């Protein structure tokens, strides 16, 4: 989750910098050149978070089920 949040923050800052270039300075080319990569970083952040979460769930699920069974049977 930390990786996805970090990517999301970086993507938002990069995209925001590009939007600021467009709105404040009227520099459309540089603004788009900065905004599009920022948007792509934001798009990648969510699937990355899902992939990491799913991997962790698969890794810890057997141990959680074992602990749950031991609690229920005691």
Protein backbone atom coordinates (compact mmCIF):
# COMPACT_ATOMS: atom_id res chain seq x y z
CA UNK A 1 0.00 0.00 0.00
CA UNK A 2 2.89 2.35 0.73
CA UNK A 3 4.25 1.78 -2.77
CA UNK A 4 0.89 2.53 -4.37
CA UNK A 5 0.36 5.62 -2.22
CA UNK A 6 3.84 6.88 -3.05
CA UNK A 7 3.23 6.35 -6.75
CA UNK A 8 -0.15 8.07 -6.49
CA UNK A 9 1.32 11.09 -4.73
CA UNK A 10 4.18 11.38 -7.22
CA UNK A 11 1.78 11.02 -10.13
CA UNK A 12 -0.55 13.66 -8.73
CA UNK A 13 2.32 16.09 -8.17
CA UNK A 14 3.73 15.56 -11.65
CA UNK A 15 0.30 15.93 -13.25
CA UNK A 16 -0.43 18.99 -11.12
CA UNK A 17 2.86 20.56 -12.19
CA UNK A 18 1.91 20.03 -15.81
CA UNK A 19 -1.52 21.54 -15.26
CA UNK A 20 0.08 24.53 -13.55
CA UNK A 21 2.34 25.05 -16.55
CA UNK A 22 -0.69 25.06 -18.81
CA UNK A 23 -2.92 27.31 -16.70
CA UNK A 24 -0.45 29.78 -15.20
CA UNK A 25 2.13 30.11 -17.94
CA UNK A 26 0.18 29.11 -21.03
CA UNK A 27 2.85 26.60 -21.97
CA UNK A 28 0.70 23.87 -23.50
CA UNK A 29 3.48 21.66 -24.89
CA UNK A 30 5.53 21.46 -21.69
CA UNK A 31 2.38 21.14 -19.59
CA UNK A 32 1.12 18.19 -21.60
CA UNK A 33 4.59 16.64 -21.63
CA UNK A 34 4.50 16.70 -17.83
CA UNK A 35 0.81 15.90 -17.30
CA UNK A 36 0.56 12.79 -19.46
CA UNK A 37 3.33 10.85 -17.65
CA UNK A 38 1.79 11.92 -14.33
CA UNK A 39 -1.55 10.54 -15.45
CA UNK A 40 0.05 7.28 -16.53
CA UNK A 41 1.71 6.94 -13.11
CA UNK A 42 -1.68 7.45 -11.46
CA UNK A 43 -3.26 4.82 -13.70
CA UNK A 44 -0.58 2.28 -12.73
CA UNK A 45 -0.85 2.92 -8.96
CA UNK A 46 -4.20 1.20 -8.37
CA UNK A 47 -3.51 -2.07 -10.24
CA UNK A 48 -0.13 -2.24 -8.50
CA UNK A 49 -1.83 -1.93 -5.11
CA UNK A 50 -4.31 -4.67 -6.05
CA UNK A 51 -1.53 -6.99 -7.23
CA UNK A 52 0.48 -6.54 -4.05
CA UNK A 53 -2.62 -7.03 -1.87
CA UNK A 54 -3.65 -10.20 -3.71
CA UNK A 55 -0.15 -11.61 -3.41
CA UNK A 56 -0.12 -10.95 0.33
CA UNK A 57 -3.57 -12.51 0.78
CA UNK A 58 -2.44 -15.70 -0.94
CA UNK A 59 0.71 -15.74 1.16
CA UNK A 60 -0.98 -15.36 4.54
CA UNK A 61 -4.33 -17.11 3.95
CA UNK A 62 -3.25 -20.63 5.01
CA UNK A 63 -1.79 -19.36 8.30
CA UNK A 64 -4.88 -17.27 9.05
CA UNK A 65 -7.15 -20.25 8.40
CA UNK A 66 -4.98 -22.42 10.65
CA UNK A 67 -5.15 -19.88 13.48
CA UNK A 68 -8.89 -19.47 12.99
CA UNK A 69 -9.42 -23.23 13.19
CA UNK A 70 -7.34 -23.48 16.35
CA UNK A 71 -9.35 -20.70 18.00
CA UNK A 72 -12.69 -22.25 17.02
CA UNK A 73 -11.72 -25.75 18.20
CA UNK A 74 -10.43 -24.67 21.61
